[in-house]
Amino acid sequence: MKIEINKDSEITIGDQLSQQIVFLIATGKLKPGDQLPSVREMARRFSIHANTVSEAYKNLVQRLWIKRHHGKRMVVRAPHEPLESRNVDLDDLIDAMVRSASRHGYSMRDLRKRVRERLWVAQPDHVLIIEEDPSLRRLLHRELSDNLSAPVKTISPKSLSGRQRISANALAVSLPGRVWNLLPVLPRECTLVLLEPAPVDSFVQAVRKLKQPSVIGIVSTSLEFLRFARSLLAPALGTQHTIEERLIDEDATIDLHALDLVFCDTIVRPLIKRPRATCYRLVSDSAIGELSERLNPAPHDTTP
């Protein structure tokens, strides 16, 4: 489990630890059922206080990323795992089969050939982004609209309840960590896909290549984007670099002359007139590819 802690950063150690664990889960580096190191082991690994690790784990439990298992051990929670035990019905079994087949390398064409009737009825014709934060909804809408040929709509989880019409024939998408709030209001026939975040390795390396003390700018229309970016960049800053955050409106005038290196979101990038501004796209290429395959499936195989 690759985690780096910068004790000199203005970002708290607990935030660095919890956000990096979230990113490892969201990008599949930590998988459902994987055990996390014990509080004592994690504290010893980074020479930090056990209470710091304990609070970080507690935060992740409250946010439903991890759970206690067999006493005190923490394990990664499965994205679609129900919060309370209930009787398993046929749809639960089918959904589990689809997820399991995907994990084992079967393509959507393979699944469609086996369970053609169910997948044909559920064939989506548009993407529905379900996200509570309005600024993240706008960011995701921009990214998916730019990379998919199908129509893209957005809605909040609260507004989704009772809106059967907007979710009909929809391929619902959400960021990891939101699914537990969506399952109670999402129609059973609506397919939900979790959007894998894009990797941050190249951005971390860009910071580490800086030879002189520098001011790293993070510019976004979304406060959630700023929080995410600063936590993942913090370990690379060392003692010589600092982060400056800019939360702006889409029609704002952006003055970035005091910043040595700038990371920004997809909406902000066209507004920045400087060569060293690097855009971070929230959704990974593999996630875009999966959505494209679901929206534009290969022709039916009619071979007996």
C-alpha atoms as a PDB file:
ATOM      1  CA  MET A   1       0.000   0.000   0.000  1.00  0.00           C
ATOM      2  CA  LYS A   2       1.781   3.110  -1.287  1.00  0.00           C
ATOM      3  CA  ILE A   3       1.216   6.056   1.057  1.00  0.00           C
ATOM      4  CA  GLU A   4       3.467   9.064   1.631  1.00  0.00           C
ATOM      5  CA  ILE A   5       3.185  11.493   4.549  1.00  0.00           C
ATOM      6  CA  ASN A   6       4.648  14.993   4.623  1.00  0.00           C
ATOM      7  CA  LYS A   7       4.890  16.091   8.258  1.00  0.00           C
ATOM      8  CA  ASP A   8       5.846  19.647   7.270  1.00  0.00           C
ATOM      9  CA  SER A   9       2.742  20.195   5.155  1.00  0.00           C
ATOM     10  CA  GLU A  10      -0.053  22.520   6.190  1.00  0.00           C
ATOM     11  CA  ILE A  11      -2.411  19.661   5.329  1.00  0.00           C
ATOM     12  CA  THR A  12      -2.945  17.621   8.490  1.00  0.00           C
ATOM     13  CA  ILE A  13      -1.404  14.166   8.637  1.00  0.00           C
ATOM     14  CA  GLY A  14      -4.845  12.671   9.244  1.00  0.00           C
ATOM     15  CA  ASP A  15      -6.233  14.293   6.086  1.00  0.00           C
ATOM     16  CA  GLN A  16      -3.251  13.129   4.026  1.00  0.00           C
ATOM     17  CA  LEU A  17      -3.654   9.590   5.326  1.00  0.00           C
ATOM     18  CA  SER A  18      -7.421   9.336   4.855  1.00  0.00           C
ATOM     19  CA  GLN A  19      -7.505  10.964   1.407  1.00  0.00           C
ATOM     20  CA  GLN A  20      -4.710   8.764   0.073  1.00  0.00           C
ATOM     21  CA  ILE A  21      -6.506   5.645   1.322  1.00  0.00           C
ATOM     22  CA  VAL A  22      -9.692   6.905  -0.388  1.00  0.00           C
ATOM     23  CA  PHE A  23      -7.768   7.377  -3.635  1.00  0.00           C
ATOM     24  CA  LEU A  24      -6.241   3.889  -3.398  1.00  0.00           C
ATOM     25  CA  ILE A  25      -9.742   2.428  -2.968  1.00  0.00           C
ATOM     26  CA  ALA A  26     -11.292   4.551  -5.720  1.00  0.00           C
ATOM     27  CA  THR A  27      -8.584   3.585  -8.225  1.00  0.00           C
ATOM     28  CA  GLY A  28      -8.719  -0.121  -7.376  1.00  0.00           C
ATOM     29  CA  LYS A  29      -5.308  -0.350  -5.690  1.00  0.00           C
ATOM     30  CA  LEU A  30      -7.171  -1.392  -2.531  1.00  0.00           C
ATOM     31  CA  LYS A  31     -10.028  -3.774  -3.273  1.00  0.00           C
ATOM     32  CA  PRO A  32     -13.163  -4.774  -1.327  1.00  0.00           C
ATOM     33  CA  GLY A  33     -12.201  -7.066   1.519  1.00  0.00           C
ATOM     34  CA  ASP A  34      -8.551  -5.959   1.636  1.00  0.00           C
ATOM     35  CA  GLN A  35      -7.322  -5.457   5.194  1.00  0.00           C
ATOM     36  CA  LEU A  36      -5.738  -2.192   6.247  1.00  0.00           C
ATOM     37  CA  PRO A  37      -2.705  -2.186   8.545  1.00  0.00           C
ATOM     38  CA  SER A  38      -3.567  -2.004  12.230  1.00  0.00           C
ATOM     39  CA  VAL A  39      -3.535   1.380  13.945  1.00  0.00           C
ATOM     40  CA  ARG A  40      -0.322   0.485  15.749  1.00  0.00           C
ATOM     41  CA  GLU A  41       1.362  -0.795  12.585  1.00  0.00           C
ATOM     42  CA  MET A  42       0.399   2.297  10.579  1.00  0.00           C
ATOM     43  CA  ALA A  43       1.564   4.611  13.372  1.00  0.00           C
ATOM     44  CA  ARG A  44       4.893   2.805  13.593  1.00  0.00           C
ATOM     45  CA  ARG A  45       5.377   2.846   9.804  1.00  0.00           C
ATOM     46  CA  PHE A  46       5.137   6.641   9.602  1.00  0.00           C
ATOM     47  CA  SER A  47       6.341   7.492  13.139  1.00  0.00           C
ATOM     48  CA  ILE A  48       3.090   9.249  13.958  1.00  0.00           C
ATOM     49  CA  HIS A  49       0.754   9.080  16.952  1.00  0.00           C
ATOM     50  CA  ALA A  50      -1.665   6.164  17.032  1.00  0.00           C
ATOM     51  CA  ASN A  51      -4.534   8.570  17.774  1.00  0.00           C
ATOM     52  CA  THR A  52      -3.911  10.250  14.403  1.00  0.00           C
ATOM     53  CA  VAL A  53      -4.305   6.934  12.591  1.00  0.00           C
ATOM     54  CA  SER A  54      -7.318   6.016  14.699  1.00  0.00           C
ATOM     55  CA  GLU A  55      -9.081   9.295  13.842  1.00  0.00           C
ATOM     56  CA  ALA A  56      -8.293   8.839  10.133  1.00  0.00           C
ATOM     57  CA  TYR A  57      -9.761   5.321  10.193  1.00  0.00           C
ATOM     58  CA  LYS A  58     -12.787   6.569  12.132  1.00  0.00           C
ATOM     59  CA  ASN A  59     -13.341   9.220   9.459  1.00  0.00           C
ATOM     60  CA  LEU A  60     -13.215   6.579   6.711  1.00  0.00           C
ATOM     61  CA  VAL A  61     -15.653   4.348   8.599  1.00  0.00           C
ATOM     62  CA  GLN A  62     -18.103   7.253   8.934  1.00  0.00           C
ATOM     63  CA  ARG A  63     -17.743   7.990   5.220  1.00  0.00           C
ATOM     64  CA  LEU A  64     -18.410   4.285   4.478  1.00  0.00           C
ATOM     65  CA  TRP A  65     -15.103   3.603   2.740  1.00  0.00           C
ATOM     66  CA  ILE A  66     -13.996   0.957   5.259  1.00  0.00           C
ATOM     67  CA  LYS A  67     -15.579  -1.158   7.991  1.00  0.00           C
ATOM     68  CA  ARG A  68     -14.542  -3.145  11.044  1.00  0.00           C
ATOM     69  CA  HIS A  69     -14.096  -6.848  10.445  1.00  0.00           C
ATOM     70  CA  HIS A  70     -13.599  -9.609  13.006  1.00  0.00           C
ATOM     71  CA  GLY A  71     -12.925  -7.344  15.938  1.00  0.00           C
ATOM     72  CA  LYS A  72     -10.539  -4.475  15.372  1.00  0.00           C
ATOM     73  CA  ARG A  73      -9.286  -5.108  11.846  1.00  0.00           C
ATOM     74  CA  MET A  74     -10.370  -2.606   9.185  1.00  0.00           C
ATOM     75  CA  VAL A  75     -11.252  -3.792   5.686  1.00  0.00           C
ATOM     76  CA  VAL A  76     -12.315  -2.032   2.494  1.00  0.00           C
ATOM     77  CA  ARG A  77     -16.099  -1.943   2.099  1.00  0.00           C
ATOM     78  CA  ALA A  78     -17.549  -3.183  -1.183  1.00  0.00           C
ATOM     79  CA  PRO A  79     -19.136  -0.298  -3.178  1.00  0.00           C
ATOM     80  CA  HIS A  80     -22.558  -1.939  -3.459  1.00  0.00           C
ATOM     81  CA  GLU A  81     -22.560  -3.594  -0.037  1.00  0.00           C
ATOM     82  CA  PRO A  82     -25.805  -2.762   1.801  1.00  0.00           C
ATOM     83  CA  LEU A  83     -25.484  -0.934   5.108  1.00  0.00           C
ATOM     84  CA  GLU A  84     -27.924  -3.309   6.754  1.00  0.00           C
ATOM     85  CA  SER A  85     -28.436  -7.001   6.180  1.00  0.00           C
ATOM     86  CA  ARG A  86     -31.536  -7.943   4.229  1.00  0.00           C
ATOM     87  CA  ASN A  87     -32.929 -10.866   2.289  1.00  0.00           C
ATOM     88  CA  VAL A  88     -31.159 -11.412  -1.023  1.00  0.00           C
ATOM     89  CA  ASP A  89     -33.484 -11.418  -4.038  1.00  0.00           C
ATOM     90  CA  LEU A  90     -32.968 -12.303  -7.692  1.00  0.00           C
ATOM     91  CA  ASP A  91     -31.880  -8.824  -8.750  1.00  0.00           C
ATOM     92  CA  ASP A  92     -29.203  -8.828  -6.032  1.00  0.00           C
ATOM     93  CA  LEU A  93     -27.843 -12.077  -7.411  1.00  0.00           C
ATOM     94  CA  ILE A  94     -27.853 -10.806 -10.992  1.00  0.00           C
ATOM     95  CA  ASP A  95     -26.106  -7.554 -10.012  1.00  0.00           C
ATOM     96  CA  ALA A  96     -23.476  -9.487  -8.083  1.00  0.00           C
ATOM     97  CA  MET A  97     -22.928 -11.718 -11.106  1.00  0.00           C
ATOM     98  CA  VAL A  98     -22.379  -8.719 -13.407  1.00  0.00           C
ATOM     99  CA  ARG A  99     -19.815  -7.147 -11.063  1.00  0.00           C
ATOM    100  CA  SER A 100     -18.043 -10.446 -10.491  1.00  0.00           C
ATOM    101  CA  ALA A 101     -17.848 -11.225 -14.214  1.00  0.00           C
ATOM    102  CA  SER A 102     -16.339  -7.798 -14.906  1.00  0.00           C
ATOM    103  CA  ARG A 103     -13.712  -8.285 -12.209  1.00  0.00           C
ATOM    104  CA  HIS A 104     -12.750 -11.611 -13.784  1.00  0.00           C
ATOM    105  CA  GLY A 105     -12.172 -10.089 -17.205  1.00  0.00           C
ATOM    106  CA  TYR A 106     -15.391 -10.924 -19.068  1.00  0.00           C
ATOM    107  CA  SER A 107     -16.473  -8.254 -21.545  1.00  0.00           C
ATOM    108  CA  MET A 108     -19.933  -6.773 -21.815  1.00  0.00           C
ATOM    109  CA  ARG A 109     -20.362  -8.729 -25.051  1.00  0.00           C
ATOM    110  CA  ASP A 110     -19.761 -11.975 -23.155  1.00  0.00           C
ATOM    111  CA  LEU A 111     -22.380 -11.036 -20.585  1.00  0.00           C
ATOM    112  CA  ARG A 112     -24.856  -9.903 -23.210  1.00  0.00           C
ATOM    113  CA  LYS A 113     -24.553 -13.228 -24.995  1.00  0.00           C
ATOM    114  CA  ARG A 114     -25.391 -15.075 -21.754  1.00  0.00           C
ATOM    115  CA  VAL A 115     -28.155 -12.838 -20.397  1.00  0.00           C
ATOM    116  CA  ARG A 116     -29.255 -11.065 -23.578  1.00  0.00           C
ATOM    117  CA  GLU A 117     -32.854 -10.419 -22.587  1.00  0.00           C
ATOM    118  CA  ARG A 118     -32.071  -8.570 -19.346  1.00  0.00           C
ATOM    119  CA  LEU A 119     -29.264  -6.457 -20.822  1.00  0.00           C
ATOM    120  CA  TRP A 120     -31.251  -5.641 -23.954  1.00  0.00           C
ATOM    121  CA  VAL A 121     -34.158  -4.281 -21.935  1.00  0.00           C
ATOM    122  CA  ALA A 122     -31.751  -2.212 -19.830  1.00  0.00           C
ATOM    123  CA  GLN A 123     -29.768  -0.810 -22.790  1.00  0.00           C
ATOM    124  CA  PRO A 124     -29.133   2.860 -21.844  1.00  0.00           C
ATOM    125  CA  ASP A 125     -29.401   5.754 -24.298  1.00  0.00           C
ATOM    126  CA  HIS A 126     -27.999   8.544 -22.092  1.00  0.00           C
ATOM    127  CA  VAL A 127     -25.743   9.155 -19.094  1.00  0.00           C
ATOM    128  CA  LEU A 128     -27.153  10.416 -15.808  1.00  0.00           C
ATOM    129  CA  ILE A 129     -24.624  11.957 -13.393  1.00  0.00           C
ATOM    130  CA  ILE A 130     -25.820  11.677  -9.799  1.00  0.00           C
ATOM    131  CA  GLU A 131     -23.888  14.001  -7.500  1.00  0.00           C
ATOM    132  CA  GLU A 132     -24.869  16.163  -4.519  1.00  0.00           C
ATOM    133  CA  ASP A 133     -22.251  18.893  -4.993  1.00  0.00           C
ATOM    134  CA  PRO A 134     -23.331  21.289  -7.809  1.00  0.00           C
ATOM    135  CA  SER A 135     -19.760  22.229  -8.771  1.00  0.00           C
ATOM    136  CA  LEU A 136     -18.743  18.576  -9.129  1.00  0.00           C
ATOM    137  CA  ARG A 137     -21.869  17.959 -11.206  1.00  0.00           C
ATOM    138  CA  ARG A 138     -20.757  20.707 -13.597  1.00  0.00           C
ATOM    139  CA  LEU A 139     -17.210  19.350 -13.774  1.00  0.00           C
ATOM    140  CA  LEU A 140     -18.341  15.797 -14.448  1.00  0.00           C
ATOM    141  CA  HIS A 141     -20.863  17.011 -17.017  1.00  0.00           C
ATOM    142  CA  ARG A 142     -18.143  18.885 -18.891  1.00  0.00           C
ATOM    143  CA  GLU A 143     -15.753  15.923 -18.900  1.00  0.00           C
ATOM    144  CA  LEU A 144     -18.311  13.307 -19.951  1.00  0.00           C
ATOM    145  CA  SER A 145     -19.967  15.543 -22.546  1.00  0.00           C
ATOM    146  CA  ASP A 146     -16.568  16.205 -24.123  1.00  0.00           C
ATOM    147  CA  ASN A 147     -15.700  12.498 -24.314  1.00  0.00           C
ATOM    148  CA  LEU A 148     -18.993  10.688 -25.005  1.00  0.00           C
ATOM    149  CA  SER A 149     -21.361  10.843 -27.949  1.00  0.00           C
ATOM    150  CA  ALA A 150     -24.496  10.147 -25.881  1.00  0.00           C
ATOM    151  CA  PRO A 151     -26.487  12.875 -24.104  1.00  0.00           C
ATOM    152  CA  VAL A 152     -25.356  13.610 -20.541  1.00  0.00           C
ATOM    153  CA  LYS A 153     -27.754  14.783 -17.820  1.00  0.00           C
ATOM    154  CA  THR A 154     -27.190  15.608 -14.149  1.00  0.00           C
ATOM    155  CA  ILE A 155     -29.255  15.368 -10.980  1.00  0.00           C
ATOM    156  CA  SER A 156     -28.762  15.398  -7.215  1.00  0.00           C
ATOM    157  CA  PRO A 157     -29.586  12.289  -5.139  1.00  0.00           C
ATOM    158  CA  LYS A 158     -32.376  14.163  -3.345  1.00  0.00           C
ATOM    159  CA  SER A 159     -33.966  15.203  -6.639  1.00  0.00           C
ATOM    160  CA  LEU A 160     -33.717  11.676  -8.036  1.00  0.00           C
ATOM    161  CA  SER A 161     -36.251  10.202  -5.650  1.00  0.00           C
ATOM    162  CA  GLY A 162     -39.528   9.768  -7.493  1.00  0.00           C
ATOM    163  CA  ARG A 163     -38.103  10.931 -10.842  1.00  0.00           C
ATOM    164  CA  GLN A 164     -38.607   7.678 -12.737  1.00  0.00           C
ATOM    165  CA  ARG A 165     -38.793   9.491 -16.068  1.00  0.00           C
ATOM    166  CA  ILE A 166     -35.268  10.949 -15.983  1.00  0.00           C
ATOM    167  CA  SER A 167     -33.728   7.651 -14.869  1.00  0.00           C
ATOM    168  CA  ALA A 168     -35.503   5.552 -17.505  1.00  0.00           C
ATOM    169  CA  ASN A 169     -32.986   4.086 -19.995  1.00  0.00           C
ATOM    170  CA  ALA A 170     -30.206   5.898 -18.154  1.00  0.00           C
ATOM    171  CA  LEU A 171     -26.673   4.763 -17.447  1.00  0.00           C
ATOM    172  CA  ALA A 172     -26.297   6.269 -13.988  1.00  0.00           C
ATOM    173  CA  VAL A 173     -22.784   7.289 -12.929  1.00  0.00           C
ATOM    174  CA  SER A 174     -21.346   8.476  -9.635  1.00  0.00           C
ATOM    175  CA  LEU A 175     -18.012   9.074  -7.968  1.00  0.00           C
ATOM    176  CA  PRO A 176     -16.845   6.348  -5.563  1.00  0.00           C
ATOM    177  CA  GLY A 177     -18.047   6.824  -2.005  1.00  0.00           C
ATOM    178  CA  ARG A 178     -21.491   8.109  -2.966  1.00  0.00           C
ATOM    179  CA  VAL A 179     -23.154   4.802  -3.773  1.00  0.00           C
ATOM    180  CA  TRP A 180     -24.580   4.157  -0.293  1.00  0.00           C
ATOM    181  CA  ASN A 181     -26.692   7.308  -0.568  1.00  0.00           C
ATOM    182  CA  LEU A 182     -27.894   6.388  -4.055  1.00  0.00           C
ATOM    183  CA  LEU A 183     -29.084   2.810  -3.715  1.00  0.00           C
ATOM    184  CA  PRO A 184     -32.245   3.688  -1.729  1.00  0.00           C
ATOM    185  CA  VAL A 185     -33.453   6.132  -4.437  1.00  0.00           C
ATOM    186  CA  LEU A 186     -32.085   4.563  -7.630  1.00  0.00           C
ATOM    187  CA  PRO A 187     -34.569   2.400  -9.566  1.00  0.00           C
ATOM    188  CA  ARG A 188     -33.501  -1.234  -9.637  1.00  0.00           C
ATOM    189  CA  GLU A 189     -33.534  -1.383 -13.430  1.00  0.00           C
ATOM    190  CA  CYS A 190     -31.140   1.586 -13.699  1.00  0.00           C
ATOM    191  CA  THR A 191     -27.492   0.493 -14.084  1.00  0.00           C
ATOM    192  CA  LEU A 192     -25.042   2.333 -11.814  1.00  0.00           C
ATOM    193  CA  VAL A 193     -21.376   2.740 -12.780  1.00  0.00           C
ATOM    194  CA  LEU A 194     -18.750   4.114 -10.385  1.00  0.00           C
ATOM    195  CA  LEU A 195     -16.353   6.511 -12.088  1.00  0.00           C
ATOM    196  CA  GLU A 196     -12.730   5.584 -11.481  1.00  0.00           C
ATOM    197  CA  PRO A 197     -10.645   8.741 -10.815  1.00  0.00           C
ATOM    198  CA  ALA A 198      -7.743   9.542 -13.102  1.00  0.00           C
ATOM    199  CA  PRO A 199      -4.271   8.795 -11.694  1.00  0.00           C
ATOM    200  CA  VAL A 200      -2.223  11.604 -10.114  1.00  0.00           C
ATOM    201  CA  ASP A 201       1.291  10.155 -10.508  1.00  0.00           C
ATOM    202  CA  SER A 202       2.315  12.529 -13.308  1.00  0.00           C
ATOM    203  CA  PHE A 203       1.188  15.562 -11.287  1.00  0.00           C
ATOM    204  CA  VAL A 204       3.115  14.458  -8.219  1.00  0.00           C
ATOM    205  CA  GLN A 205       6.206  13.953 -10.390  1.00  0.00           C
ATOM    206  CA  ALA A 206       5.807  17.433 -11.893  1.00  0.00           C
ATOM    207  CA  VAL A 207       6.018  18.911  -8.393  1.00  0.00           C
ATOM    208  CA  ARG A 208       9.038  16.801  -7.476  1.00  0.00           C
ATOM    209  CA  LYS A 209      10.926  17.963 -10.577  1.00  0.00           C
ATOM    210  CA  LEU A 210      10.884  21.568  -9.367  1.00  0.00           C
ATOM    211  CA  LYS A 211      14.415  22.488  -8.304  1.00  0.00           C
ATOM    212  CA  GLN A 212      13.692  25.843  -6.657  1.00  0.00           C
ATOM    213  CA  PRO A 213      11.201  26.726  -3.875  1.00  0.00           C
ATOM    214  CA  SER A 214       7.913  27.199  -5.676  1.00  0.00           C
ATOM    215  CA  VAL A 215       4.292  28.164  -5.167  1.00  0.00           C
ATOM    216  CA  ILE A 216       1.963  25.455  -6.500  1.00  0.00           C
ATOM    217  CA  GLY A 217      -1.443  26.730  -7.508  1.00  0.00           C
ATOM    218  CA  ILE A 218      -4.629  24.646  -7.496  1.00  0.00           C
ATOM    219  CA  VAL A 219      -7.395  26.429  -9.368  1.00  0.00           C
ATOM    220  CA  SER A 220     -10.940  25.153  -9.618  1.00  0.00           C
ATOM    221  CA  THR A 221     -14.608  26.026  -9.660  1.00  0.00           C
ATOM    222  CA  SER A 222     -15.149  23.281  -7.058  1.00  0.00           C
ATOM    223  CA  LEU A 223     -14.208  23.309  -3.379  1.00  0.00           C
ATOM    224  CA  GLU A 224     -14.319  19.498  -3.390  1.00  0.00           C
ATOM    225  CA  PHE A 225     -11.786  19.448  -6.239  1.00  0.00           C
ATOM    226  CA  LEU A 226      -9.459  21.703  -4.222  1.00  0.00           C
ATOM    227  CA  ARG A 227      -9.696  19.478  -1.144  1.00  0.00           C
ATOM    228  CA  PHE A 228      -9.034  16.365  -3.182  1.00  0.00           C
ATOM    229  CA  ALA A 229      -6.051  17.825  -5.046  1.00  0.00           C
ATOM    230  CA  ARG A 230      -4.269  19.368  -2.072  1.00  0.00           C
ATOM    231  CA  SER A 231      -4.455  16.164  -0.023  1.00  0.00           C
ATOM    232  CA  LEU A 232      -2.919  14.081  -2.814  1.00  0.00           C
ATOM    233  CA  LEU A 233      -0.218  16.633  -3.678  1.00  0.00           C
ATOM    234  CA  ALA A 234       0.792  17.358  -0.078  1.00  0.00           C
ATOM    235  CA  PRO A 235       3.362  14.527   0.270  1.00  0.00           C
ATOM    236  CA  ALA A 236       5.296  15.818  -2.763  1.00  0.00           C
ATOM    237  CA  LEU A 237       5.685  19.384  -1.494  1.00  0.00           C
ATOM    238  CA  GLY A 238       8.457  18.769   1.028  1.00  0.00           C
ATOM    239  CA  THR A 239       9.531  21.844   2.997  1.00  0.00           C
ATOM    240  CA  GLN A 240      10.386  24.079   0.055  1.00  0.00           C
ATOM    241  CA  HIS A 241       7.067  24.247  -1.835  1.00  0.00           C
ATOM    242  CA  THR A 242       3.727  25.698  -0.778  1.00  0.00           C
ATOM    243  CA  ILE A 243       0.179  25.336  -2.090  1.00  0.00           C
ATOM    244  CA  GLU A 244      -2.068  28.257  -2.946  1.00  0.00           C
ATOM    245  CA  GLU A 245      -5.718  27.474  -3.691  1.00  0.00           C
ATOM    246  CA  ARG A 246      -8.003  29.542  -5.900  1.00  0.00           C
ATOM    247  CA  LEU A 247     -11.756  28.909  -5.883  1.00  0.00           C
ATOM    248  CA  ILE A 248     -13.190  30.873  -8.790  1.00  0.00           C
ATOM    249  CA  ASP A 249     -16.357  31.436 -10.770  1.00  0.00           C
ATOM    250  CA  GLU A 250     -16.560  30.268 -14.363  1.00  0.00           C
ATOM    251  CA  ASP A 251     -16.592  33.869 -15.652  1.00  0.00           C
ATOM    252  CA  ALA A 252     -13.867  35.143 -13.317  1.00  0.00           C
ATOM    253  CA  THR A 253     -10.690  36.935 -14.368  1.00  0.00           C
ATOM    254  CA  ILE A 254      -7.749  34.757 -13.342  1.00  0.00           C
ATOM    255  CA  ASP A 255      -4.415  36.278 -12.337  1.00  0.00           C
ATOM    256  CA  LEU A 256      -1.837  33.528 -11.855  1.00  0.00           C
ATOM    257  CA  HIS A 257       1.422  35.419 -12.307  1.00  0.00           C
ATOM    258  CA  ALA A 258       2.569  34.693  -8.736  1.00  0.00           C
ATOM    259  CA  LEU A 259       2.256  30.933  -9.194  1.00  0.00           C
ATOM    260  CA  ASP A 260       5.125  28.786 -10.463  1.00  0.00           C
ATOM    261  CA  LEU A 261       3.071  25.712 -11.367  1.00  0.00           C
ATOM    262  CA  VAL A 262      -0.690  25.510 -11.797  1.00  0.00           C
ATOM    263  CA  PHE A 263      -3.048  22.535 -11.632  1.00  0.00           C
ATOM    264  CA  CYS A 264      -6.634  23.193 -12.673  1.00  0.00           C
ATOM    265  CA  ASP A 265      -9.906  21.502 -13.540  1.00  0.00           C
ATOM    266  CA  THR A 266     -11.441  21.007 -16.982  1.00  0.00           C
ATOM    267  CA  ILE A 267     -13.706  24.058 -16.772  1.00  0.00           C
ATOM    268  CA  VAL A 268     -10.942  26.417 -15.670  1.00  0.00           C
ATOM    269  CA  ARG A 269      -8.271  25.331 -18.174  1.00  0.00           C
ATOM    270  CA  PRO A 270      -9.578  27.336 -21.193  1.00  0.00           C
ATOM    271  CA  LEU A 271      -9.600  30.471 -19.024  1.00  0.00           C
ATOM    272  CA  ILE A 272      -5.899  30.228 -18.125  1.00  0.00           C
ATOM    273  CA  LYS A 273      -3.456  31.842 -20.554  1.00  0.00           C
ATOM    274  CA  ARG A 274      -0.165  30.265 -19.523  1.00  0.00           C
ATOM    275  CA  PRO A 275       1.749  27.221 -20.770  1.00  0.00           C
ATOM    276  CA  ARG A 276       2.527  25.663 -17.369  1.00  0.00           C
ATOM    277  CA  ALA A 277      -1.092  25.193 -16.378  1.00  0.00           C
ATOM    278  CA  THR A 278      -1.851  21.458 -16.229  1.00  0.00           C
ATOM    279  CA  CYS A 279      -5.411  20.180 -16.360  1.00  0.00           C
ATOM    280  CA  TYR A 280      -6.467  17.286 -14.140  1.00  0.00           C
ATOM    281  CA  ARG A 281      -9.449  15.343 -15.459  1.00  0.00           C
ATOM    282  CA  LEU A 282     -11.468  13.700 -12.694  1.00  0.00           C
ATOM    283  CA  VAL A 283     -12.536  10.655 -14.720  1.00  0.00           C
ATOM    284  CA  SER A 284      -9.941   8.139 -15.925  1.00  0.00           C
ATOM    285  CA  ASP A 285      -9.556   7.033 -19.536  1.00  0.00           C
ATOM    286  CA  SER A 286     -10.537   3.488 -18.578  1.00  0.00           C
ATOM    287  CA  ALA A 287     -13.787   4.753 -17.046  1.00  0.00           C
ATOM    288  CA  ILE A 288     -14.565   6.715 -20.230  1.00  0.00           C
ATOM    289  CA  GLY A 289     -13.868   3.573 -22.240  1.00  0.00           C
ATOM    290  CA  GLU A 290     -16.238   1.519 -20.088  1.00  0.00           C
ATOM    291  CA  LEU A 291     -19.030   4.061 -20.498  1.00  0.00           C
ATOM    292  CA  SER A 292     -18.518   4.144 -24.263  1.00  0.00           C
ATOM    293  CA  GLU A 293     -18.729   0.349 -24.441  1.00  0.00           C
ATOM    294  CA  ARG A 294     -21.942   0.287 -22.411  1.00  0.00           C
ATOM    295  CA  LEU A 295     -23.530   3.043 -24.470  1.00  0.00           C
ATOM    296  CA  ASN A 296     -22.353   1.709 -27.845  1.00  0.00           C
ATOM    297  CA  PRO A 297     -22.284  -2.071 -27.544  1.00  0.00           C
ATOM    298  CA  ALA A 298     -21.010  -4.326 -30.277  1.00  0.00           C
ATOM    299  CA  PRO A 299     -23.728  -5.727 -32.564  1.00  0.00           C
ATOM    300  CA  HIS A 300     -25.557  -8.772 -31.245  1.00  0.00           C
ATOM    301  CA  ASP A 301     -23.914 -12.076 -31.969  1.00  0.00           C
ATOM    302  CA  THR A 302     -26.655 -14.069 -33.704  1.00  0.00           C
ATOM    303  CA  THR A 303     -24.594 -17.230 -34.096  1.00  0.00           C
ATOM    304  CA  PRO A 304     -26.533 -20.174 -32.624  1.00  0.00           C
END
